[in-house]
Amino acid sequence: MIRLTKALLVKEITENISLPQKGSYILVLKIDEEKIFKPGRLSSAKFLPGIYLYVGRAKSNLPARLRRHFKRKKKRFWHIDYLLNDNKVKIKEALVFPGEFEECQLAQRIQKALKHSIFPLKKFGSSDCNCISHLIYLAQTKVSLTSVLFRKIKNNFASS
């Protein structure tokens, strides 16, 4: 785990990892090949290979939430579970914002900051709010994602 300003970069979850109890997070996902997913009650959608960002929040017990996300097989409850149960979908890392940002604001700011990003499926992860989606597809990713993401988020939040 690397501490970057107020955010934490998590590459893996271990039993003794020290994380805050609440906060927002971004899962950086890689999908290896084109897949069709039907997450819960949402419509089926084609997911292209590449990098996706999923923005979530835990009001309590954030370490357990992240452990659950990193676990390969689990009962499908949230939209993200339908992706993460597939072997072709991998969590590359998680960016944790301890109690800092609301997930809705964070998802919107990321999509705005990253020019070639799109929301691939409406209401993914956002069925309980008015957001378009909490899943973002990065259409063009050529450089170190983490450094670009932190710089863009930091600059975008600093300018508001």
C-alpha atoms as a PDB file:
ATOM      1  CA  MET A   1       0.000   0.000   0.000  1.00  0.00           C
ATOM      2  CA  ILE A   2       1.361   3.400  -0.989  1.00  0.00           C
ATOM      3  CA  ARG A   3       0.041   6.582   0.631  1.00  0.00           C
ATOM      4  CA  LEU A   4      -0.611   9.272  -2.001  1.00  0.00           C
ATOM      5  CA  THR A   5      -1.783  12.580  -0.507  1.00  0.00           C
ATOM      6  CA  LYS A   6      -5.063  11.648   1.202  1.00  0.00           C
ATOM      7  CA  ALA A   7      -5.627   8.606  -1.002  1.00  0.00           C
ATOM      8  CA  LEU A   8      -4.290   5.090  -0.557  1.00  0.00           C
ATOM      9  CA  LEU A   9      -3.243   2.756  -3.348  1.00  0.00           C
ATOM     10  CA  VAL A  10      -4.072  -0.874  -2.559  1.00  0.00           C
ATOM     11  CA  LYS A  11      -2.620  -3.642  -4.760  1.00  0.00           C
ATOM     12  CA  GLU A  12      -3.880  -6.543  -2.663  1.00  0.00           C
ATOM     13  CA  ILE A  13      -5.920  -7.164   0.456  1.00  0.00           C
ATOM     14  CA  THR A  14      -4.331  -9.000   3.359  1.00  0.00           C
ATOM     15  CA  GLU A  15      -5.738  -9.788   6.773  1.00  0.00           C
ATOM     16  CA  ASN A  16      -3.509  -7.263   8.546  1.00  0.00           C
ATOM     17  CA  ILE A  17      -3.930  -4.372   6.087  1.00  0.00           C
ATOM     18  CA  SER A  18      -4.598  -1.043   7.777  1.00  0.00           C
ATOM     19  CA  LEU A  19      -7.450   0.839   6.117  1.00  0.00           C
ATOM     20  CA  PRO A  20      -9.987   3.390   7.310  1.00  0.00           C
ATOM     21  CA  GLN A  21     -13.427   2.134   8.315  1.00  0.00           C
ATOM     22  CA  LYS A  22     -15.278   4.338   5.837  1.00  0.00           C
ATOM     23  CA  GLY A  23     -14.593   6.082   2.576  1.00  0.00           C
ATOM     24  CA  SER A  24     -14.945   6.024  -1.174  1.00  0.00           C
ATOM     25  CA  TYR A  25     -12.906   3.829  -3.462  1.00  0.00           C
ATOM     26  CA  ILE A  26     -12.145   3.216  -7.101  1.00  0.00           C
ATOM     27  CA  LEU A  27     -11.576  -0.326  -8.308  1.00  0.00           C
ATOM     28  CA  VAL A  28      -9.295  -0.367 -11.346  1.00  0.00           C
ATOM     29  CA  LEU A  29     -10.486  -3.325 -13.411  1.00  0.00           C
ATOM     30  CA  LYS A  30      -9.048  -5.001 -16.481  1.00  0.00           C
ATOM     31  CA  ILE A  31     -11.252  -7.034 -18.801  1.00  0.00           C
ATOM     32  CA  ASP A  32      -9.147  -9.271 -21.042  1.00  0.00           C
ATOM     33  CA  GLU A  33     -11.622 -10.014 -23.798  1.00  0.00           C
ATOM     34  CA  GLU A  34     -14.990  -8.843 -25.071  1.00  0.00           C
ATOM     35  CA  LYS A  35     -17.758 -10.154 -22.838  1.00  0.00           C
ATOM     36  CA  ILE A  36     -21.497  -9.777 -22.500  1.00  0.00           C
ATOM     37  CA  PHE A  37     -22.705  -9.296 -18.936  1.00  0.00           C
ATOM     38  CA  LYS A  38     -26.163  -8.964 -17.478  1.00  0.00           C
ATOM     39  CA  PRO A  39     -25.644  -7.397 -14.056  1.00  0.00           C
ATOM     40  CA  GLY A  40     -28.741  -8.100 -11.997  1.00  0.00           C
ATOM     41  CA  ARG A  41     -31.848  -6.356 -13.291  1.00  0.00           C
ATOM     42  CA  LEU A  42     -29.922  -4.166 -15.730  1.00  0.00           C
ATOM     43  CA  SER A  43     -29.991  -4.973 -19.425  1.00  0.00           C
ATOM     44  CA  SER A  44     -27.287  -7.097 -21.033  1.00  0.00           C
ATOM     45  CA  ALA A  45     -24.353  -5.127 -22.355  1.00  0.00           C
ATOM     46  CA  LYS A  46     -21.183  -5.786 -24.309  1.00  0.00           C
ATOM     47  CA  PHE A  47     -18.009  -4.918 -22.419  1.00  0.00           C
ATOM     48  CA  LEU A  48     -14.966  -4.296 -24.589  1.00  0.00           C
ATOM     49  CA  PRO A  49     -11.497  -5.344 -23.467  1.00  0.00           C
ATOM     50  CA  GLY A  50      -9.642  -2.691 -21.512  1.00  0.00           C
ATOM     51  CA  ILE A  51      -9.576  -0.726 -18.283  1.00  0.00           C
ATOM     52  CA  TYR A  52     -12.698   0.103 -16.286  1.00  0.00           C
ATOM     53  CA  LEU A  53     -13.067   2.132 -13.113  1.00  0.00           C
ATOM     54  CA  TYR A  54     -15.761   1.271 -10.600  1.00  0.00           C
ATOM     55  CA  VAL A  55     -16.517   3.898  -7.966  1.00  0.00           C
ATOM     56  CA  GLY A  56     -18.000   2.742  -4.687  1.00  0.00           C
ATOM     57  CA  ARG A  57     -18.372   3.758  -1.079  1.00  0.00           C
ATOM     58  CA  ALA A  58     -18.517   2.055   2.291  1.00  0.00           C
ATOM     59  CA  LYS A  59     -20.203   3.947   5.119  1.00  0.00           C
ATOM     60  CA  SER A  60     -18.681   1.429   7.511  1.00  0.00           C
ATOM     61  CA  ASN A  61     -16.324  -1.571   7.430  1.00  0.00           C
ATOM     62  CA  LEU A  62     -14.438  -0.524   4.284  1.00  0.00           C
ATOM     63  CA  PRO A  63     -11.746  -3.233   4.714  1.00  0.00           C
ATOM     64  CA  ALA A  64     -14.415  -5.965   4.598  1.00  0.00           C
ATOM     65  CA  ARG A  65     -15.999  -4.400   1.502  1.00  0.00           C
ATOM     66  CA  LEU A  66     -12.669  -4.370  -0.331  1.00  0.00           C
ATOM     67  CA  ARG A  67     -11.860  -7.919   0.811  1.00  0.00           C
ATOM     68  CA  ARG A  68     -15.195  -9.002  -0.651  1.00  0.00           C
ATOM     69  CA  HIS A  69     -14.468  -7.275  -3.955  1.00  0.00           C
ATOM     70  CA  PHE A  70     -10.996  -8.864  -4.204  1.00  0.00           C
ATOM     71  CA  LYS A  71     -12.439 -12.330  -3.442  1.00  0.00           C
ATOM     72  CA  ARG A  72     -12.982 -14.256  -6.696  1.00  0.00           C
ATOM     73  CA  LYS A  73     -16.182 -16.201  -5.986  1.00  0.00           C
ATOM     74  CA  LYS A  74     -19.018 -14.692  -4.014  1.00  0.00           C
ATOM     75  CA  LYS A  75     -22.772 -14.482  -3.989  1.00  0.00           C
ATOM     76  CA  ARG A  76     -23.851 -11.839  -6.497  1.00  0.00           C
ATOM     77  CA  PHE A  77     -25.438  -8.929  -4.664  1.00  0.00           C
ATOM     78  CA  TRP A  78     -24.152  -5.699  -6.235  1.00  0.00           C
ATOM     79  CA  HIS A  79     -23.810  -5.001  -9.967  1.00  0.00           C
ATOM     80  CA  ILE A  80     -20.030  -5.179  -9.648  1.00  0.00           C
ATOM     81  CA  ASP A  81     -20.275  -8.776  -8.378  1.00  0.00           C
ATOM     82  CA  TYR A  82     -21.497  -9.904 -11.809  1.00  0.00           C
ATOM     83  CA  LEU A  83     -18.270  -8.647 -13.375  1.00  0.00           C
ATOM     84  CA  LEU A  84     -15.890  -9.717 -10.627  1.00  0.00           C
ATOM     85  CA  ASN A  85     -17.147 -13.321 -10.616  1.00  0.00           C
ATOM     86  CA  ASP A  86     -15.800 -13.753 -14.165  1.00  0.00           C
ATOM     87  CA  ASN A  87     -12.213 -15.020 -14.548  1.00  0.00           C
ATOM     88  CA  LYS A  88     -11.584 -12.598 -17.437  1.00  0.00           C
ATOM     89  CA  VAL A  89     -12.117  -9.616 -15.132  1.00  0.00           C
ATOM     90  CA  LYS A  90      -9.310  -8.688 -12.761  1.00  0.00           C
ATOM     91  CA  ILE A  91      -8.895  -6.013 -10.122  1.00  0.00           C
ATOM     92  CA  LYS A  92      -5.551  -4.371 -10.822  1.00  0.00           C
ATOM     93  CA  GLU A  93      -5.697  -2.095  -7.786  1.00  0.00           C
ATOM     94  CA  ALA A  94      -7.983  -0.054  -5.595  1.00  0.00           C
ATOM     95  CA  LEU A  95      -7.680   3.638  -4.841  1.00  0.00           C
ATOM     96  CA  VAL A  96      -9.127   4.434  -1.416  1.00  0.00           C
ATOM     97  CA  PHE A  97     -10.239   7.903  -0.330  1.00  0.00           C
ATOM     98  CA  PRO A  98     -10.703   7.801   3.466  1.00  0.00           C
ATOM     99  CA  GLY A  99     -14.013   9.484   4.232  1.00  0.00           C
ATOM    100  CA  GLU A 100     -13.208  12.111   1.611  1.00  0.00           C
ATOM    101  CA  PHE A 101     -15.515  12.034  -1.387  1.00  0.00           C
ATOM    102  CA  GLU A 102     -19.054  11.055  -2.161  1.00  0.00           C
ATOM    103  CA  GLU A 103     -19.077   8.306  -4.777  1.00  0.00           C
ATOM    104  CA  CYS A 104     -21.471  10.197  -7.070  1.00  0.00           C
ATOM    105  CA  GLN A 105     -19.290  13.297  -7.168  1.00  0.00           C
ATOM    106  CA  LEU A 106     -16.165  11.172  -7.592  1.00  0.00           C
ATOM    107  CA  ALA A 107     -17.599   9.206 -10.560  1.00  0.00           C
ATOM    108  CA  GLN A 108     -18.718  12.389 -12.304  1.00  0.00           C
ATOM    109  CA  ARG A 109     -15.394  14.146 -11.749  1.00  0.00           C
ATOM    110  CA  ILE A 110     -13.404  11.166 -13.043  1.00  0.00           C
ATOM    111  CA  GLN A 111     -15.504  10.913 -16.185  1.00  0.00           C
ATOM    112  CA  LYS A 112     -15.150  14.659 -16.757  1.00  0.00           C
ATOM    113  CA  ALA A 113     -11.380  14.650 -16.096  1.00  0.00           C
ATOM    114  CA  LEU A 114     -10.553  11.705 -18.364  1.00  0.00           C
ATOM    115  CA  LYS A 115     -11.370  12.857 -21.893  1.00  0.00           C
ATOM    116  CA  HIS A 116     -11.818   9.474 -23.569  1.00  0.00           C
ATOM    117  CA  SER A 117     -13.882   7.853 -20.827  1.00  0.00           C
ATOM    118  CA  ILE A 118     -17.479   6.729 -21.190  1.00  0.00           C
ATOM    119  CA  PHE A 119     -20.197   5.225 -19.030  1.00  0.00           C
ATOM    120  CA  PRO A 120     -20.624   1.766 -20.636  1.00  0.00           C
ATOM    121  CA  LEU A 121     -23.903   0.804 -18.921  1.00  0.00           C
ATOM    122  CA  LYS A 122     -26.457   3.187 -17.463  1.00  0.00           C
ATOM    123  CA  LYS A 123     -27.303   2.787 -13.761  1.00  0.00           C
ATOM    124  CA  PHE A 124     -24.413   0.345 -13.121  1.00  0.00           C
ATOM    125  CA  GLY A 125     -23.697   0.709  -9.413  1.00  0.00           C
ATOM    126  CA  SER A 126     -25.996   3.712  -9.236  1.00  0.00           C
ATOM    127  CA  SER A 127     -29.489   2.283  -8.956  1.00  0.00           C
ATOM    128  CA  ASP A 128     -29.943   4.117  -5.640  1.00  0.00           C
ATOM    129  CA  CYS A 129     -28.987   7.590  -6.915  1.00  0.00           C
ATOM    130  CA  ASN A 130     -29.451   9.881  -9.919  1.00  0.00           C
ATOM    131  CA  CYS A 131     -26.024   9.241 -11.469  1.00  0.00           C
ATOM    132  CA  ILE A 132     -25.681   7.926 -15.005  1.00  0.00           C
ATOM    133  CA  SER A 133     -23.338   5.181 -13.778  1.00  0.00           C
ATOM    134  CA  HIS A 134     -20.561   4.420 -11.321  1.00  0.00           C
ATOM    135  CA  LEU A 135     -18.692   2.329 -13.892  1.00  0.00           C
ATOM    136  CA  ILE A 136     -16.389   4.131 -16.310  1.00  0.00           C
ATOM    137  CA  TYR A 137     -14.670   2.662 -19.367  1.00  0.00           C
ATOM    138  CA  LEU A 138     -11.344   4.182 -20.374  1.00  0.00           C
ATOM    139  CA  ALA A 139     -11.326   4.042 -24.144  1.00  0.00           C
ATOM    140  CA  GLN A 140      -7.647   5.023 -24.429  1.00  0.00           C
ATOM    141  CA  THR A 141      -5.118   4.037 -21.798  1.00  0.00           C
ATOM    142  CA  LYS A 142      -1.472   4.362 -22.862  1.00  0.00           C
ATOM    143  CA  VAL A 143       0.422   5.522 -19.773  1.00  0.00           C
ATOM    144  CA  SER A 144       0.534   4.628 -16.105  1.00  0.00           C
ATOM    145  CA  LEU A 145      -3.105   4.776 -15.115  1.00  0.00           C
ATOM    146  CA  THR A 146      -2.582   5.435 -11.430  1.00  0.00           C
ATOM    147  CA  SER A 147      -0.334   8.473 -11.866  1.00  0.00           C
ATOM    148  CA  VAL A 148      -2.612  10.007 -14.494  1.00  0.00           C
ATOM    149  CA  LEU A 149      -5.731   9.296 -12.476  1.00  0.00           C
ATOM    150  CA  PHE A 150      -4.387  10.863  -9.288  1.00  0.00           C
ATOM    151  CA  ARG A 151      -3.086  13.934 -11.119  1.00  0.00           C
ATOM    152  CA  LYS A 152      -6.364  14.448 -12.998  1.00  0.00           C
ATOM    153  CA  ILE A 153      -8.550  13.912  -9.924  1.00  0.00           C
ATOM    154  CA  LYS A 154      -6.385  16.176  -7.788  1.00  0.00           C
ATOM    155  CA  ASN A 155      -6.381  18.945 -10.419  1.00  0.00           C
ATOM    156  CA  ASN A 156     -10.119  18.562 -11.065  1.00  0.00           C
ATOM    157  CA  PHE A 157     -11.040  18.757  -7.378  1.00  0.00           C
ATOM    158  CA  ALA A 158      -8.629  21.639  -6.764  1.00  0.00           C
ATOM    159  CA  SER A 159     -10.329  23.693  -9.480  1.00  0.00           C
ATOM    160  CA  SER A 160     -13.829  23.407  -7.981  1.00  0.00           C
END
